[in-house]
Amino acid sequence: MEEEDLLDSHPDLVDPEWRRRAEAGARAGARKDRRQVRTRVPLRRPRGRWWGATLVLLVLGVTAAAIVLVGSRPEAEPVAPNPTAVPVLAPVDLARPYDRTPAENWAKGFDGIATTATATVDPEVATEAYAQVRRAIFAARLEPTVVTGHDPAAFLAQLAPDARPWIASKVADHDKGLLPYVTEIADGYRLLDAGPRIFGTLTAHPGAKPGELAVDAKYVVAYAFDDPRPGGLTGPAQIVSFVRVDENYVLRSGTSFSETSQGLWIDGEHSAFSSVGCAAAKTGFLAPGYANPPVGPTPAGERDAPGYYDPRYPVPTLDGCPG
């Protein structure tokens, strides 16, 4: 919009009362200038009229400048979704279940896990290591035969032969709650077609022994559950569950290791979960939050530990389930 248009359309400038006061002020200023001019330089009376007109122009100019500055002020940048909370009371759209949650903009599958360049590892070696770890994470957290079929074979196949028996025994032991190695959906629940979302990083560095390459995996997976109940949802926390994992993978190769020990190992892990069905979690399975008994409203301003949703923070030590 041109400056003249702004002047003609601004509410102050088209207000007759405002114009009357401005013109009166200008005339008063002009009379004062004329008196001063007559006292000091009698031959320059026209100069007082020039300053009076200038005052009017200055008033209009300052107002116009303020209008232009306000009108051209840049819009505030959009605020990113809060990374430390899943709303308990908010609209839910089963076609877009991750809306209003930390996972709203996360990617599906491999694309959600970024890799870190490192000067201590050859780029080609690191690329291959990252590919192996990605396949293992996919098999453990996204592969349907593992996640919904409760068959860990596809995940175990990613590990070195000597690493499989111990991991298999832990996966089969559901007496110690939800273990970090695989995600298994509890019977009777179904994931939405939107699919799980992942956010995380992989960082390679030399291992502790010759022939070892370590990869630190820090990631979180969000699962969106279907809800067959009619009109029962009050917020995304009831259907979107999060599994947060830190894992230390080690790739072993070379003559320092036997043939059956060469390959991928998991050497240490930490995990936590949030917005889950607690009864199922205690038996090693993942279920949605709506499986829990109804609870009262969440206190205003309450936030979860950021590590539930952001791998840059440590894995939380609490899971939100009593007992």
Foldseek 3Di string as FASTA:
>chain_A
DDLVVCQVPPPLNPDVVNVVVLLVVLVVQLVVVLVVCCVPPVVPNVVSVVVSVVSSVVVSVVVSVVVVCVVPDDDDDDDDQDLWDFDQFDDADLVQLCPSYLLNPFDPAPVQEAEDDDPQDDPVVVVVVVVLVSQLCCLQEPDCCVAEVVDSPSNLVSFQQVQRPVVVVVSPQQQAFADDRHAYADPPWDFRPVGKGKHWYWYWHADPDPQKIKIKTWMKIKTFTDDPDPPPGRGSLQGIKMKTKIWIKMAGDDPVDDRSNGGIHTDDMDMEMEQFQQVQRNRRHTHGNNNHDDDDDDPPPDTHDSSRRDRVDDHDPDHPDDD
